[in-house]
Amino acid sequence: MPAVYAYDDLLLKTKKILRSFGYSEEEASLTARVLVEADARGVPSHGVGRLGPYRQFLGSGFIHPGRAPEIVFETPVSLVVDGYNGVGGLIADFAVTRLIEKARRTGAAFCAVRNASHYGMAGLWTERIARAEMIGCSSCTTRCNAIPTNGRTRMFGTNPISVSIPEENGNMFLLDMATTTAAFGKIEVYARRGKALPEGWAVDSRGQTQRDPVEFLRAYKAEPGLGGLVFLGGTQEATGGHKGYGLGLLVELLSAGLSMGAWSLHSYEKGVGAKVAMFFSAVRLDIFGDPTALRAHIGEILREVRSGGRAEGRDRIWIHGEKEREARERALRDGVVIDDVSAARLEEFLAQAEGKQQN
């Protein structure tokens, strides 16, 4: 049975576990919020279930707590940040804070980051930019796990893209998507829950559809470079696979290309770091006109979309970000739901953390 945690309780437990891993107070606080926010929004692929992988990343030398990010190149409208393979949430927070400061002064700003690590849901960072009354964009490279159209070897990450645009009443359009059909973390979720993968998520070393998540993860480790996740549109150009592949490559060029960082093929080097690259942008609404009128107009477009005719058996047309926002509201009211495997691991890590404190 799934476990249910009060939001603040889950936050404190996650922070305590991360502190026991060797994270500083600031690193643990930021990372705990990133993980718990994902679970609260109904995105378990990026939630506390990642505590296990994070600990493995620490052991493999992919993440190095205690390293401070640094601006290595800067203009009035741009900056390049080197994270020195530190904690991803801290690096992203550093970059976005300074990005917003620049955009407030100049109208628009851009940031490329190299040598980072997993920063959680891309949408958390663009949401923050939208809360500052700006259009926000975020993308990042990831561990190499996706194959290009017409290929059979892994070369790219899931390479998420997020865009946020504020509308009325504090609401926003918030797109947050992997450029692969599914995020790698979702494969792990399906494996934990004993569910078969949907068609078109992954292929094996022969390029054939793989629906067994446990077998996929086993082969992923046993057959380096072969088989992997499929980009949006599938394996064929006829179904648009080249379009998803193009988006994934775009993320590599914006994130790794502009930061002079490693791209996904050369990421996650043991003992060195994850070498994740990121890209952010922030654009003030008022460079297009009156912000209040713009938010109202954007809101009206979204209302018309919601009121469109619905397919038989469907009761709602969703705007991107609405499901997550409503899930978060329920989680704050009723508690955050965690699957039984992730909850058991959380409690195991917590017991170890408390044991360390007593010793």
Protein backbone atom coordinates (compact mmCIF):
# COMPACT_ATOMS: atom_id res chain seq x y z
CA MET A 1 0.00 0.00 0.00
CA PRO A 2 1.24 3.52 -0.71
CA ALA A 3 2.32 5.65 2.24
CA VAL A 4 1.02 9.15 2.91
CA TYR A 5 3.19 11.86 4.47
CA ALA A 6 2.37 15.38 5.53
CA TYR A 7 4.30 17.70 3.21
CA ASP A 8 6.43 19.32 5.90
CA ASP A 9 7.15 15.96 7.55
CA LEU A 10 8.35 14.48 4.27
CA LEU A 11 10.47 17.58 3.67
CA LEU A 12 12.17 17.29 7.07
CA LYS A 13 12.81 13.56 6.66
CA THR A 14 14.26 14.00 3.19
CA LYS A 15 16.49 16.83 4.38
CA LYS A 16 17.76 14.73 7.29
CA ILE A 17 18.61 11.88 4.92
CA LEU A 18 20.49 14.18 2.55
CA ARG A 19 22.43 15.66 5.46
CA SER A 20 23.47 12.12 6.39
CA PHE A 21 24.69 11.65 2.80
CA GLY A 22 27.09 14.56 3.31
CA TYR A 23 25.07 17.47 1.92
CA SER A 24 25.43 20.85 3.62
CA GLU A 25 22.42 22.47 5.29
CA GLU A 26 21.76 24.64 2.21
CA GLU A 27 22.33 21.79 -0.26
CA ALA A 28 20.04 19.46 1.70
CA SER A 29 17.28 22.08 2.07
CA LEU A 30 17.22 22.94 -1.63
CA THR A 31 17.42 19.32 -2.79
CA ALA A 32 14.78 18.10 -0.35
CA ARG A 33 12.34 20.72 -1.60
CA VAL A 34 13.07 19.80 -5.23
CA LEU A 35 12.36 16.10 -4.54
CA VAL A 36 9.30 16.58 -2.33
CA GLU A 37 7.77 19.10 -4.73
CA ALA A 38 7.94 16.48 -7.48
CA ASP A 39 6.07 13.90 -5.38
CA ALA A 40 3.55 16.51 -4.27
CA ARG A 41 2.85 17.30 -7.92
CA GLY A 42 2.33 13.65 -8.83
CA VAL A 43 5.70 13.20 -10.58
CA PRO A 44 7.31 10.30 -8.65
CA SER A 45 10.02 9.85 -11.31
CA HIS A 46 11.67 12.97 -9.85
CA GLY A 47 10.65 12.54 -6.21
CA VAL A 48 12.12 10.96 -3.07
CA GLY A 49 12.49 7.72 -5.01
CA ARG A 50 15.65 9.37 -6.36
CA LEU A 51 17.33 9.26 -2.94
CA GLY A 52 18.75 5.83 -3.78
CA PRO A 53 20.26 6.97 -7.09
CA TYR A 54 21.58 10.14 -5.43
CA ARG A 55 23.46 8.06 -2.87
CA GLN A 56 24.84 5.89 -5.68
CA PHE A 57 25.90 9.02 -7.56
CA LEU A 58 27.77 10.20 -4.48
CA GLY A 59 29.53 6.85 -4.18
CA SER A 60 30.49 6.93 -7.87
CA GLY A 61 31.84 10.45 -7.65
CA PHE A 62 29.18 11.96 -9.90
CA ILE A 63 28.09 14.50 -7.25
CA HIS A 64 30.52 16.40 -5.01
CA PRO A 65 28.79 18.23 -2.14
CA GLY A 66 30.50 21.34 -0.86
CA ARG A 67 31.56 22.72 -4.24
CA ALA A 68 30.33 26.24 -4.92
CA PRO A 69 29.24 27.28 -8.44
CA GLU A 70 31.06 30.16 -10.10
CA ILE A 71 30.30 32.61 -12.92
CA VAL A 72 33.07 32.09 -15.51
CA PHE A 73 31.77 34.39 -18.26
CA GLU A 74 29.33 37.28 -18.12
CA THR A 75 27.76 40.11 -20.12
CA PRO A 76 24.86 42.43 -19.17
CA VAL A 77 22.39 39.90 -20.66
CA SER A 78 24.13 36.56 -20.15
CA LEU A 79 26.23 34.41 -17.88
CA VAL A 80 28.00 31.06 -17.99
CA VAL A 81 28.23 29.12 -14.74
CA ASP A 82 30.57 26.27 -13.82
CA GLY A 83 29.06 24.07 -11.13
CA TYR A 84 32.23 22.04 -10.60
CA ASN A 85 30.06 18.90 -10.42
CA GLY A 86 28.44 19.96 -7.19
CA VAL A 87 24.81 19.56 -6.09
CA GLY A 88 22.40 20.20 -8.98
CA GLY A 89 19.69 22.01 -7.03
CA LEU A 90 22.18 24.43 -5.52
CA ILE A 91 23.76 25.13 -8.92
CA ALA A 92 20.38 25.72 -10.58
CA ASP A 93 19.28 28.00 -7.74
CA PHE A 94 22.51 30.01 -8.09
CA ALA A 95 22.06 30.33 -11.86
CA VAL A 96 18.34 31.20 -11.84
CA THR A 97 18.70 33.76 -9.05
CA ARG A 98 21.30 35.67 -11.07
CA LEU A 99 19.42 35.18 -14.31
CA ILE A 100 16.31 36.84 -12.87
CA GLU A 101 18.39 39.72 -11.50
CA LYS A 102 19.84 40.36 -14.97
CA ALA A 103 16.48 40.09 -16.74
CA ARG A 104 14.94 42.61 -14.32
CA ARG A 105 17.60 45.11 -15.36
CA THR A 106 17.79 44.41 -19.09
CA GLY A 107 14.45 42.89 -20.11
CA ALA A 108 15.86 39.50 -21.07
CA ALA A 109 18.75 37.30 -19.95
CA PHE A 110 20.26 33.91 -20.73
CA CYS A 111 22.36 31.46 -18.75
CA ALA A 112 24.33 28.36 -19.73
CA VAL A 113 25.69 25.99 -17.08
CA ARG A 114 28.34 23.29 -17.25
CA ASN A 115 29.50 20.63 -14.79
CA ALA A 116 26.26 20.34 -12.82
CA SER A 117 24.21 17.34 -11.66
CA HIS A 118 20.53 16.34 -11.53
CA TYR A 119 18.41 19.43 -10.80
CA GLY A 120 14.99 17.80 -10.44
CA MET A 121 11.93 18.82 -12.45
CA ALA A 122 12.83 21.39 -15.10
CA GLY A 123 9.46 23.02 -14.50
CA LEU A 124 10.32 24.01 -10.94
CA TRP A 125 12.88 26.47 -12.28
CA THR A 126 10.73 27.95 -15.04
CA GLU A 127 7.87 28.28 -12.56
CA ARG A 128 10.16 30.38 -10.40
CA ILE A 129 10.92 32.62 -13.38
CA ALA A 130 7.21 32.97 -14.16
CA ARG A 131 6.53 33.97 -10.53
CA ALA A 132 8.89 36.87 -11.23
CA GLU A 133 6.51 37.99 -14.03
CA MET A 134 8.71 36.66 -16.82
CA ILE A 135 8.61 34.00 -19.50
CA GLY A 136 10.96 31.24 -18.39
CA CYS A 137 12.76 28.52 -20.32
CA SER A 138 14.88 25.69 -18.96
CA SER A 139 16.56 22.63 -20.45
CA CYS A 140 19.32 20.25 -19.45
CA THR A 141 21.33 17.28 -20.61
CA THR A 142 21.10 14.04 -18.66
CA ARG A 143 22.78 10.67 -18.35
CA CYS A 144 23.18 9.10 -21.78
CA ASN A 145 20.14 6.86 -22.32
CA ALA A 146 18.40 7.75 -25.63
CA ILE A 147 19.03 6.75 -29.24
CA PRO A 148 18.83 9.08 -32.28
CA THR A 149 16.50 8.34 -35.18
CA ASN A 150 17.99 5.56 -37.35
CA GLY A 151 20.52 4.75 -34.62
CA ARG A 152 20.97 1.81 -32.26
CA THR A 153 23.38 3.20 -29.67
CA ARG A 154 22.71 5.59 -26.82
CA MET A 155 24.04 9.09 -27.47
CA PHE A 156 21.63 11.53 -25.81
CA GLY A 157 19.86 12.10 -22.54
CA THR A 158 16.12 12.46 -21.98
CA ASN A 159 16.93 16.18 -22.33
CA PRO A 160 13.89 17.89 -20.81
CA ILE A 161 12.51 21.22 -21.98
CA SER A 162 10.33 23.49 -19.86
CA VAL A 163 8.64 26.78 -20.75
CA SER A 164 6.48 28.87 -18.43
CA ILE A 165 4.30 31.85 -19.36
CA PRO A 166 2.40 33.74 -16.65
CA GLU A 167 -1.31 34.49 -17.03
CA GLU A 168 -3.93 35.98 -14.70
CA ASN A 169 -4.44 35.32 -10.98
CA GLY A 170 -1.00 33.84 -10.44
CA ASN A 171 -1.66 30.98 -12.86
CA MET A 172 0.60 30.04 -15.74
CA PHE A 173 1.12 27.82 -18.74
CA LEU A 174 3.87 25.44 -17.63
CA LEU A 175 5.19 22.95 -20.15
CA ASP A 176 7.66 20.45 -18.68
CA MET A 177 8.53 17.52 -20.92
CA ALA A 178 11.27 15.06 -21.70
CA THR A 179 12.16 15.03 -25.38
CA THR A 180 12.06 11.24 -25.14
CA THR A 181 8.63 9.64 -24.91
CA ALA A 182 9.19 9.08 -21.19
CA ALA A 183 11.73 10.18 -18.59
CA PHE A 184 14.22 7.53 -17.47
CA GLY A 185 12.88 7.84 -13.92
CA LYS A 186 9.49 6.62 -15.16
CA ILE A 187 11.10 3.34 -16.25
CA GLU A 188 12.32 2.95 -12.66
CA VAL A 189 8.84 3.77 -11.33
CA TYR A 190 7.27 1.09 -13.56
CA ALA A 191 9.91 -1.41 -12.42
CA ARG A 192 9.16 -0.65 -8.74
CA ARG A 193 5.45 -1.04 -9.35
CA GLY A 194 5.69 -4.19 -11.48
CA LYS A 195 4.01 -2.60 -14.50
CA ALA A 196 4.72 -3.21 -18.18
CA LEU A 197 6.09 -0.28 -20.18
CA PRO A 198 3.73 1.29 -22.72
CA GLU A 199 4.52 0.70 -26.37
CA GLY A 200 7.04 3.16 -27.79
CA TRP A 201 8.93 4.05 -24.62
CA ALA A 202 12.08 1.97 -25.06
CA VAL A 203 13.92 -0.45 -27.34
CA ASP A 204 16.42 -3.24 -26.71
CA SER A 205 19.91 -3.67 -28.16
CA ARG A 206 18.40 -4.83 -31.48
CA GLY A 207 16.20 -1.76 -31.72
CA GLN A 208 13.05 -3.77 -30.93
CA THR A 209 10.34 -2.59 -28.54
CA GLN A 210 11.06 -3.44 -24.90
CA ARG A 211 8.11 -3.49 -22.49
CA ASP A 212 9.68 -5.20 -19.49
CA PRO A 213 11.15 -2.41 -17.29
CA VAL A 214 13.18 -4.79 -15.12
CA GLU A 215 14.77 -6.42 -18.16
CA PHE A 216 15.36 -3.01 -19.73
CA LEU A 217 17.21 -1.77 -16.62
CA ARG A 218 19.21 -5.01 -16.43
CA ALA A 219 20.27 -4.77 -20.07
CA TYR A 220 20.94 -1.04 -19.68
CA LYS A 221 23.68 -1.89 -17.20
CA ALA A 222 24.89 -5.10 -18.87
CA GLU A 223 25.03 -3.81 -22.47
CA PRO A 224 26.68 -0.37 -22.33
CA GLY A 225 25.60 1.89 -25.13
CA LEU A 226 23.08 -0.45 -26.76
CA GLY A 227 19.32 0.06 -26.68
CA GLY A 228 17.62 2.85 -24.80
CA LEU A 229 14.80 5.31 -24.64
CA VAL A 230 13.01 6.47 -27.77
CA PHE A 231 12.48 10.13 -28.67
CA LEU A 232 9.01 11.62 -29.11
CA GLY A 233 7.51 10.30 -32.32
CA GLY A 234 9.09 6.87 -32.08
CA THR A 235 11.80 5.13 -34.06
CA GLN A 236 10.59 6.12 -37.54
CA GLU A 237 10.58 9.40 -39.46
CA ALA A 238 7.10 8.50 -40.72
CA THR A 239 5.75 8.90 -37.18
CA GLY A 240 7.78 12.01 -36.42
CA GLY A 241 10.64 10.46 -34.49
CA HIS A 242 13.11 12.84 -36.12
CA LYS A 243 11.23 15.75 -34.53
CA GLY A 244 11.71 14.48 -30.99
CA TYR A 245 15.32 13.68 -31.85
CA GLY A 246 15.74 17.24 -33.14
CA LEU A 247 14.44 18.65 -29.85
CA GLY A 248 16.83 16.43 -27.92
CA LEU A 249 19.77 17.59 -30.01
CA LEU A 250 18.67 21.21 -29.59
CA VAL A 251 18.91 20.79 -25.81
CA GLU A 252 22.46 19.43 -26.17
CA LEU A 253 23.52 22.44 -28.26
CA LEU A 254 21.89 25.08 -26.04
CA SER A 255 23.04 23.52 -22.78
CA ALA A 256 26.38 21.85 -23.48
CA GLY A 257 27.22 23.78 -26.65
CA LEU A 258 26.82 27.27 -25.18
CA SER A 259 28.40 26.42 -21.83
CA MET A 260 31.45 24.70 -23.36
CA GLY A 261 30.42 21.72 -21.27
CA ALA A 262 30.17 17.98 -21.84
CA TRP A 263 27.19 16.67 -23.79
CA SER A 264 25.26 13.60 -22.69
CA LEU A 265 27.53 11.11 -24.49
CA HIS A 266 30.42 12.22 -22.26
CA SER A 267 28.52 12.74 -19.03
CA TYR A 268 28.62 10.80 -15.75
CA GLU A 269 32.34 10.12 -15.57
CA LYS A 270 33.14 8.13 -12.44
CA GLY A 271 35.21 10.02 -9.92
CA VAL A 272 34.97 13.22 -11.97
CA GLY A 273 31.32 14.19 -12.00
CA ALA A 274 27.93 14.02 -13.67
CA LYS A 275 28.93 16.89 -15.99
CA VAL A 276 25.29 17.83 -16.64
CA ALA A 277 24.79 20.99 -18.71
CA MET A 278 21.84 23.38 -18.39
CA PHE A 279 20.31 26.34 -20.21
CA PHE A 280 17.95 28.98 -18.82
CA SER A 281 16.33 32.12 -20.15
CA ALA A 282 14.09 34.78 -18.65
CA VAL A 283 12.15 37.44 -20.60
CA ARG A 284 10.12 40.22 -18.96
CA LEU A 285 6.54 40.48 -20.17
CA ASP A 286 6.68 44.26 -20.34
CA ILE A 287 9.03 44.25 -23.33
CA PHE A 288 5.94 43.18 -25.31
CA GLY A 289 3.50 45.69 -23.82
CA ASP A 290 1.39 46.18 -20.71
CA PRO A 291 1.93 43.10 -18.51
CA THR A 292 -1.62 43.15 -17.09
CA ALA A 293 -3.18 43.24 -20.56
CA LEU A 294 -0.82 40.54 -21.78
CA ARG A 295 -1.64 38.20 -18.88
CA ALA A 296 -5.34 38.74 -19.47
CA HIS A 297 -5.01 38.01 -23.19
CA ILE A 298 -2.95 34.88 -22.52
CA GLY A 299 -5.55 33.80 -19.95
CA GLU A 300 -8.34 34.24 -22.49
CA ILE A 301 -6.53 32.04 -25.03
CA LEU A 302 -6.16 29.31 -22.42
CA ARG A 303 -9.83 29.59 -21.39
CA GLU A 304 -10.89 29.09 -25.00
CA VAL A 305 -8.67 26.02 -25.25
CA ARG A 306 -10.24 24.55 -22.10
CA SER A 307 -13.75 25.13 -23.46
CA GLY A 308 -13.12 23.27 -26.73
CA GLY A 309 -15.11 20.20 -27.67
CA ARG A 310 -14.06 17.09 -25.77
CA ALA A 311 -13.58 13.62 -27.16
CA GLU A 312 -16.14 10.98 -26.20
CA GLY A 313 -15.49 9.68 -22.71
CA ARG A 314 -13.16 12.57 -21.80
CA ASP A 315 -14.33 15.09 -19.24
CA ARG A 316 -11.63 17.75 -19.48
CA ILE A 317 -9.06 19.43 -21.71
CA TRP A 318 -6.01 20.13 -19.60
CA ILE A 319 -3.60 23.02 -19.88
CA HIS A 320 0.02 22.10 -19.22
CA GLY A 321 0.85 22.45 -15.54
CA GLU A 322 -2.74 22.18 -14.29
CA LYS A 323 -2.56 18.51 -13.27
CA GLU A 324 0.58 19.14 -11.25
CA ARG A 325 -0.81 22.29 -9.63
CA GLU A 326 -4.02 20.55 -8.59
CA ALA A 327 -2.09 17.50 -7.36
CA ARG A 328 0.04 19.81 -5.22
CA GLU A 329 -3.04 21.42 -3.71
CA ARG A 330 -4.37 17.97 -2.77
CA ALA A 331 -1.00 16.95 -1.37
CA LEU A 332 -0.78 20.01 0.85
CA ARG A 333 -4.30 19.30 2.11
CA ASP A 334 -4.32 15.50 2.34
CA GLY A 335 -0.67 14.48 2.32
CA VAL A 336 1.93 13.41 -0.23
CA VAL A 337 1.42 9.88 -1.58
CA ILE A 338 4.59 7.78 -1.94
CA ASP A 339 4.64 4.27 -3.42
CA ASP A 340 5.41 1.49 -0.95
CA VAL A 341 8.88 0.68 -2.31
CA SER A 342 10.03 4.31 -2.20
CA ALA A 343 8.50 4.79 1.25
CA ALA A 344 10.27 1.71 2.60
CA ARG A 345 13.59 2.94 1.21
CA LEU A 346 12.95 6.39 2.66
CA GLU A 347 12.37 4.95 6.12
CA GLU A 348 15.48 2.76 5.76
CA PHE A 349 17.60 5.78 4.89
CA LEU A 350 16.01 7.74 7.73
CA ALA A 351 16.84 5.02 10.27
CA GLN A 352 20.45 5.03 9.03
CA ALA A 353 20.60 8.81 9.30
CA GLU A 354 19.24 8.79 12.85
CA GLY A 355 21.66 6.00 13.74
CA LYS A 356 24.56 8.17 12.56
CA GLN A 357 23.32 11.03 14.74
CA GLN A 358 23.21 8.81 17.81
CA ASN A 359 26.73 7.56 17.17
